[in-house]
N, C-alpha and C. Protein backbone atom coordinates (compact mmCIF):
# COMPACT_ATOMS: atom_id res chain seq x y z
N MET A 1 0.82 -1.18 0.00
CA MET A 1 0.00 0.00 0.00
C MET A 1 0.88 1.26 0.00
N LYS A 2 1.98 1.21 0.77
CA LYS A 2 2.88 2.35 0.81
C LYS A 2 3.50 2.61 -0.55
N LYS A 3 3.80 1.54 -1.30
CA LYS A 3 4.40 1.69 -2.62
C LYS A 3 3.42 2.36 -3.59
N VAL A 4 2.14 1.98 -3.51
CA VAL A 4 1.12 2.57 -4.39
C VAL A 4 0.96 4.05 -4.07
N THR A 5 0.92 4.38 -2.79
CA THR A 5 0.79 5.78 -2.38
C THR A 5 1.99 6.60 -2.84
N LEU A 6 3.17 6.04 -2.69
CA LEU A 6 4.39 6.72 -3.13
C LEU A 6 4.38 6.92 -4.63
N LEU A 7 3.99 5.88 -5.38
CA LEU A 7 3.93 5.97 -6.84
C LEU A 7 2.92 7.03 -7.28
N LEU A 8 1.75 7.05 -6.66
CA LEU A 8 0.74 8.06 -6.99
C LEU A 8 1.24 9.47 -6.66
N SER A 9 1.96 9.62 -5.59
CA SER A 9 2.51 10.93 -5.23
C SER A 9 3.53 11.40 -6.27
N ILE A 10 4.36 10.49 -6.73
CA ILE A 10 5.37 10.84 -7.74
C ILE A 10 4.69 11.24 -9.04
N VAL A 11 3.70 10.45 -9.49
CA VAL A 11 2.97 10.76 -10.73
C VAL A 11 2.27 12.11 -10.60
N ALA A 12 1.63 12.35 -9.48
CA ALA A 12 0.93 13.63 -9.26
C ALA A 12 1.91 14.79 -9.31
N SER A 13 3.10 14.60 -8.77
CA SER A 13 4.13 15.65 -8.81
C SER A 13 4.52 15.99 -10.24
N PHE A 14 4.68 14.96 -11.08
CA PHE A 14 5.03 15.20 -12.49
C PHE A 14 3.91 15.94 -13.21
N VAL A 15 2.67 15.54 -12.96
CA VAL A 15 1.53 16.20 -13.61
C VAL A 15 1.46 17.66 -13.19
N ILE A 16 1.61 17.94 -11.92
CA ILE A 16 1.57 19.32 -11.44
C ILE A 16 2.72 20.12 -12.02
N ALA A 17 3.90 19.54 -12.06
CA ALA A 17 5.06 20.24 -12.61
C ALA A 17 4.87 20.54 -14.09
N ALA A 18 4.30 19.60 -14.85
CA ALA A 18 4.08 19.81 -16.29
C ALA A 18 3.08 20.93 -16.52
N CYS A 19 2.01 20.96 -15.76
CA CYS A 19 1.00 22.01 -15.92
C CYS A 19 1.59 23.38 -15.58
N SER A 20 2.32 23.44 -14.47
CA SER A 20 2.85 24.75 -14.08
C SER A 20 3.94 25.21 -15.03
N SER A 21 4.74 24.30 -15.56
CA SER A 21 5.79 24.73 -16.48
C SER A 21 5.20 25.21 -17.79
N SER A 22 4.13 24.57 -18.29
CA SER A 22 3.53 25.04 -19.54
C SER A 22 2.83 26.38 -19.31
N LYS A 23 2.24 26.55 -18.15
CA LYS A 23 1.61 27.83 -17.85
C LYS A 23 2.69 28.91 -17.76
N ASN A 24 3.79 28.63 -17.09
CA ASN A 24 4.85 29.62 -16.96
C ASN A 24 5.47 29.95 -18.30
N SER A 25 5.63 28.97 -19.18
CA SER A 25 6.23 29.27 -20.48
C SER A 25 5.30 30.14 -21.30
N ALA A 26 3.99 29.93 -21.20
CA ALA A 26 3.05 30.76 -21.95
C ALA A 26 3.01 32.17 -21.40
N SER A 27 3.07 32.31 -20.08
CA SER A 27 2.96 33.63 -19.49
C SER A 27 4.28 34.40 -19.55
N SER A 28 5.36 33.71 -19.94
CA SER A 28 6.66 34.37 -19.95
C SER A 28 7.02 34.93 -21.32
N VAL A 29 6.08 34.94 -22.26
CA VAL A 29 6.35 35.51 -23.58
C VAL A 29 6.71 36.98 -23.40
N ALA A 30 7.85 37.35 -23.96
CA ALA A 30 8.30 38.74 -23.83
C ALA A 30 7.71 39.58 -24.95
N LEU A 31 7.10 40.68 -24.58
CA LEU A 31 6.58 41.62 -25.57
C LEU A 31 7.73 42.49 -26.06
N THR A 32 8.50 41.94 -26.97
CA THR A 32 9.62 42.65 -27.58
C THR A 32 9.58 42.36 -29.08
N GLY A 33 10.20 43.22 -29.84
CA GLY A 33 10.26 42.99 -31.28
C GLY A 33 8.92 43.25 -31.96
N GLU A 34 8.80 42.73 -33.17
CA GLU A 34 7.60 43.00 -33.98
C GLU A 34 6.64 41.84 -33.98
N TRP A 35 5.35 42.18 -33.94
CA TRP A 35 4.25 41.23 -33.90
C TRP A 35 3.23 41.59 -34.97
N ASP A 36 2.72 40.58 -35.67
CA ASP A 36 1.63 40.81 -36.62
C ASP A 36 0.34 41.01 -35.84
N ILE A 37 -0.48 41.95 -36.29
CA ILE A 37 -1.83 42.11 -35.75
C ILE A 37 -2.72 41.24 -36.61
N VAL A 38 -3.27 40.17 -36.04
CA VAL A 38 -4.03 39.19 -36.81
C VAL A 38 -5.53 39.34 -36.67
N ALA A 39 -5.98 40.04 -35.63
CA ALA A 39 -7.41 40.28 -35.44
C ALA A 39 -7.61 41.57 -34.68
N VAL A 40 -8.69 42.24 -34.98
CA VAL A 40 -9.06 43.45 -34.26
C VAL A 40 -10.53 43.33 -33.86
N ASN A 41 -10.81 43.61 -32.60
CA ASN A 41 -12.16 43.48 -32.03
C ASN A 41 -12.77 42.10 -32.29
N GLY A 42 -11.94 41.07 -32.22
CA GLY A 42 -12.41 39.70 -32.38
C GLY A 42 -12.60 39.24 -33.81
N THR A 43 -12.31 40.08 -34.79
CA THR A 43 -12.48 39.73 -36.20
C THR A 43 -11.12 39.63 -36.87
N ALA A 44 -10.88 38.52 -37.56
CA ALA A 44 -9.61 38.33 -38.27
C ALA A 44 -9.45 39.41 -39.33
N ILE A 45 -8.23 39.86 -39.52
CA ILE A 45 -7.95 40.90 -40.51
C ILE A 45 -7.91 40.28 -41.90
N ASP A 46 -8.69 40.86 -42.80
CA ASP A 46 -8.72 40.44 -44.20
C ASP A 46 -7.60 41.18 -44.92
N THR A 47 -6.50 40.49 -45.19
CA THR A 47 -5.34 41.16 -45.77
C THR A 47 -5.59 41.63 -47.21
N SER A 48 -6.69 41.19 -47.83
CA SER A 48 -7.01 41.70 -49.17
C SER A 48 -7.63 43.09 -49.11
N LYS A 49 -7.98 43.55 -47.90
CA LYS A 49 -8.61 44.85 -47.76
C LYS A 49 -7.74 45.84 -46.98
N VAL A 50 -6.43 45.64 -47.04
CA VAL A 50 -5.50 46.56 -46.39
C VAL A 50 -4.34 46.85 -47.34
N GLU A 51 -3.71 47.98 -47.15
CA GLU A 51 -2.57 48.36 -47.99
C GLU A 51 -1.34 47.51 -47.67
N GLN A 52 -1.15 47.24 -46.38
CA GLN A 52 -0.06 46.39 -45.93
C GLN A 52 -0.51 45.69 -44.66
N ALA A 53 0.10 44.55 -44.37
CA ALA A 53 -0.27 43.80 -43.17
C ALA A 53 0.06 44.62 -41.93
N PRO A 54 -0.92 44.82 -41.05
CA PRO A 54 -0.66 45.60 -39.84
C PRO A 54 0.24 44.85 -38.86
N PHE A 55 1.04 45.63 -38.12
CA PHE A 55 1.93 45.04 -37.12
C PHE A 55 2.15 46.05 -36.01
N ILE A 56 2.64 45.54 -34.89
CA ILE A 56 3.02 46.40 -33.77
C ILE A 56 4.40 45.95 -33.30
N GLY A 57 5.27 46.92 -33.05
CA GLY A 57 6.60 46.64 -32.55
C GLY A 57 6.76 47.19 -31.14
N PHE A 58 7.45 46.44 -30.30
CA PHE A 58 7.69 46.85 -28.92
C PHE A 58 9.17 47.13 -28.73
N ASP A 59 9.50 48.36 -28.40
CA ASP A 59 10.88 48.76 -28.11
C ASP A 59 10.96 48.99 -26.61
N ARG A 60 11.33 47.93 -25.88
CA ARG A 60 11.34 47.99 -24.42
C ARG A 60 12.45 48.90 -23.91
N ALA A 61 13.55 49.03 -24.63
CA ALA A 61 14.66 49.89 -24.19
C ALA A 61 14.23 51.36 -24.19
N GLU A 62 13.41 51.74 -25.15
CA GLU A 62 12.94 53.13 -25.26
C GLU A 62 11.54 53.33 -24.69
N ASN A 63 10.92 52.26 -24.19
CA ASN A 63 9.54 52.30 -23.68
C ASN A 63 8.60 52.94 -24.69
N ARG A 64 8.57 52.34 -25.89
CA ARG A 64 7.68 52.85 -26.92
C ARG A 64 7.21 51.71 -27.81
N ILE A 65 6.13 51.98 -28.54
CA ILE A 65 5.66 51.06 -29.57
C ILE A 65 5.70 51.79 -30.90
N TYR A 66 5.67 51.03 -31.96
CA TYR A 66 5.62 51.58 -33.31
C TYR A 66 4.95 50.53 -34.17
N GLY A 67 4.51 50.91 -35.35
CA GLY A 67 3.94 49.90 -36.23
C GLY A 67 3.18 50.51 -37.38
N SER A 68 2.39 49.65 -38.01
CA SER A 68 1.53 50.05 -39.11
C SER A 68 0.12 49.57 -38.80
N ALA A 69 -0.84 50.48 -38.98
CA ALA A 69 -2.24 50.12 -38.76
C ALA A 69 -2.89 49.66 -40.07
N SER A 70 -2.11 49.43 -41.09
CA SER A 70 -2.46 48.92 -42.41
C SER A 70 -2.27 49.97 -43.50
N CYS A 71 -2.31 51.24 -43.17
CA CYS A 71 -2.05 52.31 -44.13
C CYS A 71 -1.01 53.26 -43.55
N ASN A 72 -1.28 53.73 -42.38
CA ASN A 72 -0.41 54.70 -41.72
C ASN A 72 0.46 54.06 -40.67
N ARG A 73 1.59 54.68 -40.42
CA ARG A 73 2.50 54.29 -39.34
C ARG A 73 2.03 54.95 -38.06
N PHE A 74 2.21 54.27 -36.93
CA PHE A 74 1.87 54.86 -35.64
C PHE A 74 3.01 54.65 -34.67
N PHE A 75 2.99 55.42 -33.60
CA PHE A 75 4.00 55.32 -32.54
C PHE A 75 3.37 55.85 -31.26
N ALA A 76 3.88 55.39 -30.13
CA ALA A 76 3.35 55.83 -28.84
C ALA A 76 4.32 55.42 -27.73
N GLY A 77 4.15 56.04 -26.57
CA GLY A 77 4.88 55.62 -25.38
C GLY A 77 4.31 54.30 -24.89
N LEU A 78 5.08 53.59 -24.10
CA LEU A 78 4.69 52.27 -23.60
C LEU A 78 4.90 52.20 -22.10
N LYS A 79 3.84 51.77 -21.40
CA LYS A 79 3.94 51.41 -19.98
C LYS A 79 3.53 49.96 -19.88
N LEU A 80 4.42 49.14 -19.34
CA LEU A 80 4.18 47.71 -19.29
C LEU A 80 4.54 47.17 -17.92
N ASP A 81 3.59 46.46 -17.31
CA ASP A 81 3.82 45.76 -16.05
C ASP A 81 3.59 44.28 -16.34
N SER A 82 4.66 43.55 -16.62
CA SER A 82 4.52 42.15 -17.01
C SER A 82 4.09 41.26 -15.85
N VAL A 83 4.28 41.70 -14.63
CA VAL A 83 3.83 40.91 -13.47
C VAL A 83 2.31 40.92 -13.39
N LYS A 84 1.70 42.09 -13.59
CA LYS A 84 0.25 42.23 -13.53
C LYS A 84 -0.42 42.09 -14.90
N SER A 85 0.37 41.91 -15.95
CA SER A 85 -0.12 41.84 -17.33
C SER A 85 -0.90 43.11 -17.71
N GLU A 86 -0.41 44.24 -17.25
CA GLU A 86 -1.03 45.53 -17.57
C GLU A 86 -0.17 46.26 -18.60
N ILE A 87 -0.84 46.95 -19.51
CA ILE A 87 -0.15 47.66 -20.56
C ILE A 87 -0.96 48.89 -20.95
N SER A 88 -0.28 49.96 -21.25
CA SER A 88 -0.97 51.16 -21.75
C SER A 88 -0.01 51.93 -22.65
N PHE A 89 -0.61 52.73 -23.49
CA PHE A 89 0.15 53.51 -24.46
C PHE A 89 -0.18 54.98 -24.26
N GLY A 90 0.83 55.84 -24.40
CA GLY A 90 0.61 57.27 -24.24
C GLY A 90 1.35 58.07 -25.29
N ASN A 91 1.02 59.35 -25.39
CA ASN A 91 1.66 60.26 -26.34
C ASN A 91 1.71 59.66 -27.74
N ALA A 92 0.53 59.23 -28.24
CA ALA A 92 0.45 58.56 -29.52
C ALA A 92 0.44 59.55 -30.68
N GLY A 93 0.93 59.06 -31.81
CA GLY A 93 0.90 59.83 -33.05
C GLY A 93 0.84 58.88 -34.23
N ALA A 94 0.47 59.43 -35.39
CA ALA A 94 0.39 58.61 -36.60
C ALA A 94 0.53 59.50 -37.82
N THR A 95 0.99 58.90 -38.91
CA THR A 95 0.98 59.62 -40.17
C THR A 95 -0.47 59.76 -40.61
N ARG A 96 -0.73 60.60 -41.62
CA ARG A 96 -2.12 60.91 -41.99
C ARG A 96 -2.41 60.69 -43.47
N MET A 97 -2.01 59.57 -44.03
CA MET A 97 -2.31 59.27 -45.43
C MET A 97 -3.72 58.70 -45.54
N MET A 98 -4.34 58.91 -46.68
CA MET A 98 -5.64 58.30 -46.96
C MET A 98 -5.41 57.09 -47.84
N CYS A 99 -6.08 56.01 -47.52
CA CYS A 99 -5.99 54.79 -48.30
C CYS A 99 -7.41 54.34 -48.66
N PRO A 100 -7.56 53.51 -49.68
CA PRO A 100 -8.90 53.08 -50.09
C PRO A 100 -9.68 52.34 -49.00
N HIS A 101 -8.97 51.57 -48.18
CA HIS A 101 -9.64 50.78 -47.13
C HIS A 101 -9.15 51.27 -45.76
N MET A 102 -9.97 52.07 -45.10
CA MET A 102 -9.56 52.65 -43.81
C MET A 102 -10.24 51.99 -42.62
N GLU A 103 -11.13 51.02 -42.84
CA GLU A 103 -11.89 50.43 -41.72
C GLU A 103 -10.96 49.73 -40.72
N THR A 104 -10.06 48.91 -41.23
CA THR A 104 -9.13 48.20 -40.35
C THR A 104 -8.23 49.18 -39.62
N GLU A 105 -7.73 50.14 -40.36
CA GLU A 105 -6.88 51.19 -39.80
C GLU A 105 -7.56 51.89 -38.63
N ASP A 106 -8.78 52.35 -38.86
CA ASP A 106 -9.53 53.07 -37.83
C ASP A 106 -9.77 52.19 -36.60
N ALA A 107 -10.10 50.92 -36.83
CA ALA A 107 -10.37 50.01 -35.71
C ALA A 107 -9.10 49.76 -34.88
N ILE A 108 -7.96 49.61 -35.54
CA ILE A 108 -6.70 49.36 -34.81
C ILE A 108 -6.32 50.59 -33.99
N LEU A 109 -6.38 51.76 -34.59
CA LEU A 109 -6.01 52.98 -33.86
C LEU A 109 -6.96 53.24 -32.68
N ALA A 110 -8.24 52.97 -32.86
CA ALA A 110 -9.20 53.13 -31.75
C ALA A 110 -8.91 52.12 -30.64
N ALA A 111 -8.54 50.90 -31.01
CA ALA A 111 -8.25 49.85 -30.02
C ALA A 111 -7.05 50.23 -29.16
N LEU A 112 -6.04 50.83 -29.76
CA LEU A 112 -4.83 51.19 -28.99
C LEU A 112 -5.16 52.10 -27.81
N ASP A 113 -6.17 52.94 -27.96
CA ASP A 113 -6.57 53.85 -26.87
C ASP A 113 -7.24 53.13 -25.70
N LYS A 114 -7.78 51.95 -25.95
CA LYS A 114 -8.58 51.24 -24.94
C LYS A 114 -7.85 50.08 -24.27
N ILE A 115 -6.70 49.69 -24.78
CA ILE A 115 -5.99 48.52 -24.24
C ILE A 115 -5.41 48.84 -22.87
N VAL A 116 -5.68 47.96 -21.90
CA VAL A 116 -5.16 48.14 -20.55
C VAL A 116 -4.50 46.89 -19.98
N LYS A 117 -4.73 45.74 -20.62
CA LYS A 117 -4.12 44.51 -20.13
C LYS A 117 -3.94 43.55 -21.29
N TYR A 118 -3.17 42.51 -21.04
CA TYR A 118 -2.94 41.51 -22.07
C TYR A 118 -2.92 40.13 -21.45
N LYS A 119 -3.16 39.15 -22.32
CA LYS A 119 -3.16 37.75 -21.87
C LYS A 119 -2.40 36.95 -22.91
N VAL A 120 -1.42 36.20 -22.45
CA VAL A 120 -0.66 35.32 -23.32
C VAL A 120 -1.44 34.01 -23.47
N LEU A 121 -1.69 33.62 -24.70
CA LEU A 121 -2.43 32.39 -24.97
C LEU A 121 -1.47 31.21 -25.05
N SER A 122 -2.00 30.02 -24.94
CA SER A 122 -1.15 28.83 -24.91
C SER A 122 -0.35 28.64 -26.20
N ASN A 123 -0.82 29.19 -27.31
CA ASN A 123 -0.09 29.06 -28.58
C ASN A 123 0.94 30.16 -28.79
N GLY A 124 1.12 31.04 -27.79
CA GLY A 124 2.11 32.11 -27.86
C GLY A 124 1.56 33.42 -28.39
N GLU A 125 0.35 33.41 -28.92
CA GLU A 125 -0.27 34.66 -29.34
C GLU A 125 -0.64 35.47 -28.10
N VAL A 126 -0.85 36.76 -28.30
CA VAL A 126 -1.18 37.63 -27.18
C VAL A 126 -2.48 38.36 -27.49
N ASN A 127 -3.41 38.28 -26.55
CA ASN A 127 -4.67 39.00 -26.65
C ASN A 127 -4.52 40.30 -25.88
N MET A 128 -4.70 41.41 -26.54
CA MET A 128 -4.64 42.70 -25.87
C MET A 128 -6.08 43.14 -25.63
N CYS A 129 -6.42 43.44 -24.36
CA CYS A 129 -7.81 43.59 -23.95
C CYS A 129 -8.11 44.95 -23.32
N ASP A 130 -9.41 45.27 -23.28
CA ASP A 130 -9.86 46.46 -22.56
C ASP A 130 -10.08 46.10 -21.09
N ALA A 131 -10.56 47.03 -20.31
CA ALA A 131 -10.74 46.83 -18.87
C ALA A 131 -11.73 45.71 -18.55
N ALA A 132 -12.70 45.48 -19.45
CA ALA A 132 -13.69 44.43 -19.24
C ALA A 132 -13.21 43.06 -19.71
N GLY A 133 -12.00 42.99 -20.26
CA GLY A 133 -11.46 41.73 -20.73
C GLY A 133 -11.80 41.39 -22.17
N GLN A 134 -12.44 42.32 -22.88
CA GLN A 134 -12.77 42.11 -24.29
C GLN A 134 -11.51 42.18 -25.13
N SER A 135 -11.38 41.26 -26.06
CA SER A 135 -10.22 41.23 -26.96
C SER A 135 -10.32 42.39 -27.95
N LEU A 136 -9.30 43.23 -27.97
CA LEU A 136 -9.24 44.33 -28.92
C LEU A 136 -8.27 44.03 -30.06
N LEU A 137 -7.10 43.52 -29.72
CA LEU A 137 -6.11 43.13 -30.72
C LEU A 137 -5.57 41.75 -30.37
N LEU A 138 -5.45 40.92 -31.37
CA LEU A 138 -4.78 39.64 -31.22
C LEU A 138 -3.50 39.74 -32.03
N ILE A 139 -2.36 39.50 -31.38
CA ILE A 139 -1.08 39.64 -32.06
C ILE A 139 -0.32 38.34 -32.03
N ARG A 140 0.53 38.15 -33.06
CA ARG A 140 1.33 36.93 -33.20
C ARG A 140 2.76 37.35 -33.54
N LYS A 141 3.73 36.80 -32.88
CA LYS A 141 5.14 37.11 -33.11
C LYS A 141 5.50 36.83 -34.56
N LYS A 142 6.20 37.80 -35.19
CA LYS A 142 6.65 37.64 -36.58
C LYS A 142 7.72 36.57 -36.67
């Protein structure tokens, strides 16, 4: 009986360790470098209706973001608390070109103003959310 209990304890330890290590690896994704914006407000981006594929870049050394909202370039300050998964952008700016398809552009720029937290998904993608937890931008590492 003692052997069975010991064996079950060892197996349980491995299962717990595997779950916690996969959770830690997912939550430890560093928001650095450039990421493709693959969805905005829960809708996948139709790349046939944009001038260029939208992306967001994180420059942690300068505490800023930069990227393309599909037509125009944007930039902003970055405040990031990776322990609390909180993120915000300030002092934003963008170029002002007109493109034939501005819907995606407008949605991405509006979303940047509302993002306050993020969640790393098990596949490594990152959901950037508003205060209510609604997905505003889904990003994937380039």
